[in-house]
Amino acid sequence: MLRGHLLVCGALIGFACSGVTPRLHAETPAGRGAAPPKAQAAAGPQITVEVIEKGNSSRATRKEAIQSLPTKSLHPESQRVVESILDNVSLYRRLPVVRCESDPRVIQFFTEHPDVAVAIWRVMEISEFTMKQTGPYDYQSDSGDGSIGTVQVLYRTPEQQLILCRGQFKSPALPKPIEAQAIMSLTTEFSRDEQGKPLATCRADVFVSFPSATIETAARFIAPVSHRIADRNFEEVVTFIRMMHIAMTDQPVWVEQVASRVDGVLSDRPGKLVDLTAKLYREQHPLPMLPQHMGALPETPEDRRLPRNLQSANGSAGTPGFSPGVPGPPRSSSVMR
C-alpha cells in the first residue's frame, strides 16, 4: 500500500515508491538512458545527492517527528483527521535526510505542482504514474498497478508541508480492496555552502494507518523490505530535483521541449515552468551567451528514458552527469529571447 500515491506526495515534494519515482541513476545498459556518442564529448555537473542521515523507524525519532508536526496550525477538522491517524499508526518511517544543490524556487515549484513532476516522468518514459489536480490543494493519483488514491495538502509553508493521503489497492486476487490512509510531513531547510551555492536538505516523516489488524500485521512483516524501497526512492525524488535544477539553470531548451509534451496538468503549468526556467537561466548567465542545449528528446523509446546528455561519469552504470550536447548553434527557444 505504500506504493504509488502515498509517497509521491511527499518529495517533491515527494514522494517516492517502487515503480513510481524516476530512476535517475543510470541502471540501464549502454544505449538505454545513456547519452548518444555525439553527446558524450565532456562531462558536466554531476547529478548527485548527499545522504545526511539514514532512514529509521525508532520510537525516539517517531516522538520527535510527531512533536514537529504543525497540528495546531490546522483547521479543526484536519486536526481531528491527523490525530486519528497518529492514534492508530500501523507503520512509521523517517526517510533518509537528503541534501542536494538546488535553487529554492525549483523545489518550491515542484512541491506546489507535484503533478508537473509526475507528468515529466511520463514524458521521459520512466513512469506511468498519473496525478491530476482536482482542487486548490487536492489531487487524484493512479499508479497503474491497482493503487489509486487522493492527496490533500493540509499545510504548506516554504519550509514545511503536511500531506494527507487516502488510498486503496485493488486486485482480482483480493476479496476486497486494501485501504489505508497516511500523513506525510516534508521539511526542507535551505542554506548555502562555502562557495555560496544554494543547498536544500530534505526530510520526510510518514505515518501510515491500516483499518484492518490483519493487513497491519502483514505490513509489519514486510516492513524491512518496504522501508528499503521507500528510502531508496526518496533519494531518487531528490535526485530528480537536482537534475531539474541543472537543466533549468544550464539547459533551458530541453526543459522547454519537455514542457511542451506534458499532459494531464492545468493549462498554465507548462508556461510557468518555462518562465521560471528562463528567469533562473538568465540569473545564472547574466552575460549575453548562448545556452548549451540538450536538443530534441530522442525519438527511440530506449533513449527517451533520460535526457540525451544524461550519462554516467565513467560512461557506464552509475551516477549520471550532464554533457554539453552536440556542438553548434542552439535551436530557437523562447527561453533564450
Protein backbone atom coordinates (compact mmCIF):
# COMPACT_ATOMS: atom_id res chain seq x y z
CA MET A 1 0.00 0.00 0.00
CA LEU A 2 3.00 2.25 0.28
CA ARG A 3 3.36 2.03 -3.46
CA GLY A 4 2.39 4.93 -5.61
CA HIS A 5 0.25 7.66 -4.21
CA LEU A 6 1.32 7.52 -0.55
CA LEU A 7 4.87 8.66 -1.21
CA VAL A 8 4.61 10.56 -4.45
CA CYS A 9 3.04 13.37 -2.50
CA GLY A 10 5.94 13.64 -0.19
CA ALA A 11 9.04 14.61 -2.11
CA LEU A 12 8.53 16.75 -4.37
CA ILE A 13 7.88 17.04 -2.84
CA GLY A 14 7.95 13.80 -2.71
CA PHE A 15 7.35 11.24 -2.70
CA ALA A 16 8.59 8.06 -3.62
CA CYS A 17 7.83 4.45 -4.07
CA SER A 18 8.63 1.45 -6.13
CA GLY A 19 7.65 1.65 -9.77
CA VAL A 20 6.59 5.26 -9.44
CA THR A 21 9.57 7.50 -8.93
CA PRO A 22 12.06 8.34 -11.68
CA ARG A 23 15.08 6.09 -11.94
CA LEU A 24 17.72 8.76 -12.49
CA HIS A 25 20.73 6.70 -11.53
CA ALA A 26 21.91 5.08 -14.74
CA GLU A 27 20.94 1.49 -14.05
CA THR A 28 20.31 0.59 -17.67
CA PRO A 29 22.68 -0.99 -20.19
CA ALA A 30 24.67 1.21 -22.55
CA GLY A 31 22.35 2.80 -25.08
CA ARG A 32 19.38 2.81 -22.70
CA GLY A 33 19.26 6.07 -20.81
CA ALA A 34 22.85 6.94 -21.74
CA ALA A 35 23.81 9.87 -23.92
CA PRO A 36 24.35 9.17 -27.63
CA PRO A 37 28.03 9.08 -28.67
CA LYS A 38 27.91 12.61 -30.13
CA ALA A 39 26.74 13.98 -26.77
CA GLN A 40 29.49 12.38 -24.72
CA ALA A 41 32.24 14.87 -25.53
CA ALA A 42 32.63 16.17 -21.98
CA ALA A 43 31.21 15.62 -18.55
CA GLY A 44 29.20 18.36 -16.91
CA PRO A 45 27.75 18.86 -13.42
CA GLN A 46 27.23 15.63 -11.55
CA ILE A 47 23.67 14.76 -10.56
CA THR A 48 24.48 13.65 -7.06
CA VAL A 49 22.78 13.96 -3.69
CA GLU A 50 24.17 13.51 -0.20
CA VAL A 51 22.51 11.29 2.38
CA ILE A 52 22.97 13.10 5.69
CA GLU A 53 21.12 10.54 7.82
CA LYS A 54 19.87 7.06 7.01
CA GLY A 55 16.19 6.25 7.30
CA ASN A 56 14.94 4.84 10.58
CA SER A 57 11.77 3.96 12.49
CA SER A 58 12.87 4.32 16.08
CA ARG A 59 10.48 5.38 18.82
CA ALA A 60 12.63 8.40 19.67
CA THR A 61 12.57 9.61 16.06
CA ARG A 62 8.84 8.99 15.83
CA LYS A 63 8.23 11.04 19.00
CA GLU A 64 10.36 13.86 17.66
CA ALA A 65 8.53 13.77 14.33
CA ILE A 66 5.11 13.99 15.99
CA GLN A 67 6.21 16.96 18.06
CA SER A 68 7.38 18.76 14.91
CA LEU A 69 4.03 18.42 13.11
CA PRO A 70 2.16 21.73 12.64
CA THR A 71 -1.03 20.22 14.08
CA LYS A 72 -2.06 23.35 15.97
CA SER A 73 -1.98 25.36 12.75
CA LEU A 74 -4.52 23.12 11.02
CA HIS A 75 -8.24 23.55 10.54
CA PRO A 76 -10.12 21.77 13.37
CA GLU A 77 -11.41 19.06 11.02
CA SER A 78 -7.92 18.46 9.65
CA GLN A 79 -6.61 18.30 13.21
CA ARG A 80 -9.08 15.52 14.03
CA VAL A 81 -8.06 13.51 10.96
CA VAL A 82 -4.36 13.85 11.73
CA GLU A 83 -4.81 12.97 15.39
CA SER A 84 -6.88 9.93 14.44
CA ILE A 85 -4.08 8.63 12.23
CA LEU A 86 -1.45 9.34 14.87
CA ASP A 87 -3.52 7.46 17.45
CA ASN A 88 -3.68 4.41 15.16
CA VAL A 89 -0.29 4.33 13.44
CA SER A 90 0.47 0.98 11.84
CA LEU A 91 3.80 1.96 10.29
CA TYR A 92 6.13 4.89 10.79
CA ARG A 93 9.23 5.78 8.79
CA ARG A 94 11.60 8.70 8.70
CA LEU A 95 13.00 8.56 5.20
CA PRO A 96 16.68 9.41 4.68
CA VAL A 97 17.65 13.03 5.23
CA VAL A 98 18.99 14.03 1.82
CA ARG A 99 20.83 17.18 0.73
CA CYS A 100 21.28 18.47 -2.79
CA GLU A 101 22.28 21.63 -4.56
CA SER A 102 19.15 23.36 -5.81
CA ASP A 103 17.66 26.81 -6.06
CA PRO A 104 14.80 27.09 -3.53
CA ARG A 105 12.47 28.15 -6.32
CA VAL A 106 12.95 24.84 -8.13
CA ILE A 107 11.88 22.89 -5.05
CA GLN A 108 9.04 25.30 -4.38
CA PHE A 109 7.70 24.88 -7.92
CA PHE A 110 7.61 21.08 -7.76
CA THR A 111 6.27 20.92 -4.22
CA GLU A 112 3.46 23.25 -5.21
CA HIS A 113 2.92 21.41 -8.51
CA PRO A 114 3.78 17.72 -7.94
CA ASP A 115 1.57 16.79 -10.88
CA VAL A 116 4.03 18.55 -13.21
CA ALA A 117 6.88 16.40 -11.90
CA VAL A 118 4.81 13.27 -12.47
CA ALA A 119 3.96 14.47 -15.99
CA ILE A 120 7.66 15.00 -16.74
CA TRP A 121 8.35 11.41 -15.65
CA ARG A 122 5.78 10.24 -18.20
CA VAL A 123 7.39 12.33 -20.96
CA MET A 124 10.72 10.75 -20.10
CA GLU A 125 9.01 7.33 -20.09
CA ILE A 126 10.32 6.42 -16.66
CA SER A 127 6.90 6.08 -15.01
CA GLU A 128 3.26 5.60 -15.94
CA PHE A 129 2.03 7.14 -12.69
CA THR A 130 -0.69 9.78 -13.06
CA MET A 131 -1.55 12.62 -10.71
CA LYS A 132 -4.28 15.13 -11.52
CA GLN A 133 -5.13 18.26 -9.59
CA THR A 134 -8.80 18.35 -8.60
CA GLY A 135 -8.80 21.37 -6.28
CA PRO A 136 -6.50 24.09 -4.94
CA TYR A 137 -4.83 21.58 -2.61
CA ASP A 138 -6.25 18.26 -3.82
CA TYR A 139 -5.04 15.58 -6.24
CA GLN A 140 -6.10 12.19 -7.53
CA SER A 141 -3.43 9.58 -8.20
CA ASP A 142 -3.22 6.26 -10.02
CA SER A 143 -0.10 4.13 -10.11
CA GLY A 144 -1.46 1.90 -12.85
CA ASP A 145 -0.98 -1.28 -10.81
CA GLY A 146 -4.26 -1.19 -8.92
CA SER A 147 -3.26 1.51 -6.43
CA ILE A 148 -5.44 4.62 -6.52
CA GLY A 149 -5.84 7.41 -4.04
CA THR A 150 -6.33 11.04 -3.14
CA VAL A 151 -3.78 13.52 -1.87
CA GLN A 152 -4.63 16.65 0.08
CA VAL A 153 -2.17 19.33 1.22
CA LEU A 154 -3.23 20.28 4.74
CA TYR A 155 -0.47 22.76 5.50
CA ARG A 156 2.17 24.49 3.41
CA THR A 157 4.99 26.93 4.05
CA PRO A 158 8.28 27.31 2.14
CA GLU A 159 9.93 25.06 4.73
CA GLN A 160 7.25 22.50 5.61
CA GLN A 161 4.28 20.70 4.12
CA LEU A 162 1.82 18.29 5.69
CA ILE A 163 0.03 15.97 3.29
CA LEU A 164 -2.91 13.63 3.83
CA CYS A 165 -3.11 10.54 1.61
CA ARG A 166 -6.02 8.15 1.33
CA GLY A 167 -5.90 5.20 -0.98
CA GLN A 168 -6.74 1.62 -1.80
CA PHE A 169 -5.21 -1.26 -3.66
CA LYS A 170 -7.44 -3.43 -5.85
CA SER A 171 -6.55 -6.83 -7.26
CA PRO A 172 -8.52 -9.77 -8.67
CA ALA A 173 -6.65 -11.91 -6.15
CA LEU A 174 -8.11 -9.97 -3.23
CA PRO A 175 -11.70 -10.38 -1.99
CA LYS A 176 -11.92 -6.63 -1.35
CA PRO A 177 -9.67 -3.58 -1.75
CA ILE A 178 -6.98 -2.91 0.84
CA GLU A 179 -7.45 0.57 2.24
CA ALA A 180 -5.06 2.84 4.11
CA GLN A 181 -4.51 6.46 5.00
CA ALA A 182 -1.34 8.28 5.82
CA ILE A 183 0.13 11.65 6.62
CA MET A 184 3.50 12.82 5.45
CA SER A 185 5.48 15.75 6.75
CA LEU A 186 8.07 17.14 4.36
CA THR A 187 10.58 19.60 5.78
CA THR A 188 13.15 21.45 3.69
CA GLU A 189 16.00 23.51 5.12
CA PHE A 190 17.72 25.97 2.81
CA SER A 191 21.33 27.07 3.20
CA ARG A 192 24.46 27.87 1.19
CA ASP A 193 27.85 26.21 1.05
CA GLU A 194 31.21 27.94 1.33
CA GLN A 195 31.09 28.87 -2.36
CA GLY A 196 27.64 30.40 -1.96
CA LYS A 197 25.82 27.63 -3.84
CA PRO A 198 22.23 27.00 -2.69
CA LEU A 199 21.63 23.79 -0.76
CA ALA A 200 18.38 22.08 0.21
CA THR A 201 18.18 19.47 2.95
CA CYS A 202 15.01 17.38 2.66
CA ARG A 203 13.46 15.30 5.44
CA ALA A 204 10.21 13.34 5.31
CA ASP A 205 8.25 11.54 8.04
CA VAL A 206 5.49 9.10 7.05
CA PHE A 207 2.74 7.77 9.33
CA VAL A 208 0.52 5.03 7.84
CA SER A 209 -2.69 3.67 9.34
CA PHE A 210 -4.44 0.47 8.22
CA PRO A 211 -8.03 -0.11 9.36
CA SER A 212 -7.52 -3.88 9.40
CA ALA A 213 -5.42 -5.62 12.06
CA THR A 214 -4.73 -8.44 9.60
CA ILE A 215 -3.33 -6.07 6.99
CA GLU A 216 -1.35 -4.24 9.64
CA THR A 217 0.29 -7.48 10.75
CA ALA A 218 1.22 -8.35 7.18
CA ALA A 219 2.55 -4.83 6.58
CA ARG A 220 4.75 -5.01 9.66
CA PHE A 221 6.10 -8.36 8.48
CA ILE A 222 7.30 -6.93 5.15
CA ALA A 223 8.26 -3.53 6.62
CA PRO A 224 12.05 -4.08 6.34
CA VAL A 225 11.69 -4.55 2.58
CA SER A 226 9.20 -1.73 2.02
CA HIS A 227 11.38 0.61 4.12
CA ARG A 228 14.40 -0.03 1.92
CA ILE A 229 12.34 0.62 -1.19
CA ALA A 230 10.90 3.85 0.20
CA ASP A 231 14.32 5.05 1.39
CA ARG A 232 15.90 4.43 -1.99
CA ASN A 233 13.13 6.13 -3.90
CA PHE A 234 13.04 9.22 -1.72
CA GLU A 235 16.67 9.68 -2.72
CA GLU A 236 15.56 9.31 -6.35
CA VAL A 237 12.99 12.09 -5.96
CA VAL A 238 15.60 14.45 -4.51
CA THR A 239 17.88 13.42 -7.38
CA PHE A 240 15.12 14.49 -9.77
CA ILE A 241 15.06 17.92 -8.10
CA ARG A 242 18.81 18.17 -8.55
CA MET A 243 18.51 17.18 -12.21
CA MET A 244 15.84 19.80 -12.85
CA HIS A 245 17.94 22.48 -11.14
CA ILE A 246 20.81 21.70 -13.54
CA ALA A 247 18.51 21.60 -16.56
CA MET A 248 16.68 24.82 -15.67
CA THR A 249 19.87 26.79 -14.99
CA ASP A 250 22.07 25.39 -17.78
CA GLN A 251 19.94 23.64 -20.43
CA PRO A 252 16.64 25.53 -20.80
CA VAL A 253 15.83 24.32 -24.32
CA TRP A 254 15.41 20.75 -23.08
CA VAL A 255 13.08 21.97 -20.31
CA GLU A 256 11.02 23.91 -22.84
CA GLN A 257 10.74 20.86 -25.08
CA VAL A 258 9.67 18.66 -22.18
CA ALA A 259 7.15 21.29 -21.06
CA SER A 260 5.57 21.23 -24.50
CA ARG A 261 4.95 17.48 -24.14
CA VAL A 262 3.49 17.24 -20.64
CA ASP A 263 -0.17 16.31 -20.30
CA GLY A 264 -2.68 15.84 -17.51
CA VAL A 265 -1.83 19.18 -15.84
CA LEU A 266 -3.58 22.54 -15.70
CA SER A 267 -3.08 24.58 -18.86
CA ASP A 268 -0.91 27.26 -17.23
CA ARG A 269 1.59 24.86 -15.67
CA PRO A 270 3.92 24.34 -18.67
CA GLY A 271 4.16 28.09 -19.17
CA LYS A 272 5.01 28.64 -15.51
CA LEU A 273 7.76 26.02 -15.73
CA VAL A 274 9.25 27.69 -18.81
CA ASP A 275 9.01 31.17 -17.25
CA LEU A 276 10.83 30.03 -14.11
CA THR A 277 13.45 28.29 -16.23
CA ALA A 278 14.05 31.48 -18.21
CA LYS A 279 14.45 33.50 -15.01
CA LEU A 280 16.88 31.02 -13.45
CA TYR A 281 18.91 30.72 -16.64
CA ARG A 282 19.26 34.46 -17.06
CA GLU A 283 20.34 34.84 -13.45
CA GLN A 284 22.91 32.08 -13.90
CA HIS A 285 24.16 33.55 -17.19
CA PRO A 286 23.85 37.34 -16.89
CA LEU A 287 26.12 37.96 -19.89
CA PRO A 288 24.67 37.54 -23.41
CA MET A 289 25.71 33.97 -24.05
CA LEU A 290 24.02 31.04 -25.70
CA PRO A 291 22.91 28.06 -23.59
CA GLN A 292 24.23 24.55 -24.00
CA HIS A 293 21.19 22.92 -25.50
CA MET A 294 20.02 19.39 -24.97
CA GLY A 295 18.46 19.11 -28.37
CA ALA A 296 15.19 17.32 -29.05
CA LEU A 297 14.13 14.35 -26.99
CA PRO A 298 15.38 11.10 -28.50
CA GLU A 299 12.95 9.50 -30.89
CA THR A 300 13.60 5.92 -29.83
CA PRO A 301 11.81 4.53 -26.75
CA GLU A 302 15.13 3.21 -25.46
CA ASP A 303 16.84 6.61 -25.39
CA ARG A 304 13.82 8.65 -24.31
CA ARG A 305 14.00 7.32 -20.76
CA LEU A 306 16.52 10.03 -19.81
CA PRO A 307 17.71 13.31 -21.37
CA ARG A 308 20.15 12.85 -24.22
CA ASN A 309 23.06 14.23 -22.29
CA LEU A 310 22.39 12.38 -19.03
CA GLN A 311 25.22 9.91 -18.74
CA SER A 312 27.40 8.12 -16.24
CA ALA A 313 30.55 9.91 -15.22
CA ASN A 314 32.58 6.94 -16.45
CA GLY A 315 30.39 6.06 -19.41
CA SER A 316 28.80 3.10 -17.63
CA ALA A 317 26.19 2.45 -14.98
CA GLY A 318 26.41 4.75 -12.01
CA THR A 319 25.57 8.31 -11.03
CA PRO A 320 24.71 10.24 -14.19
CA GLY A 321 26.06 13.59 -15.26
CA PHE A 322 25.48 16.14 -17.99
CA SER A 323 27.47 16.66 -21.15
CA PRO A 324 27.10 19.76 -23.28
CA GLY A 325 25.37 18.16 -26.22
CA VAL A 326 26.23 18.36 -29.91
CA PRO A 327 28.35 21.43 -30.73
CA GLY A 328 26.76 24.01 -32.94
CA PRO A 329 24.16 26.77 -32.80
CA PRO A 330 21.31 26.01 -30.38
CA ARG A 331 17.77 25.66 -31.52
CA SER A 332 15.44 28.64 -31.31
CA SER A 333 13.79 28.93 -27.93
CA SER A 334 11.58 31.46 -26.20
CA VAL A 335 13.73 30.93 -23.11
CA MET A 336 16.71 32.42 -24.92
CA ARG A 337 14.94 35.53 -26.14
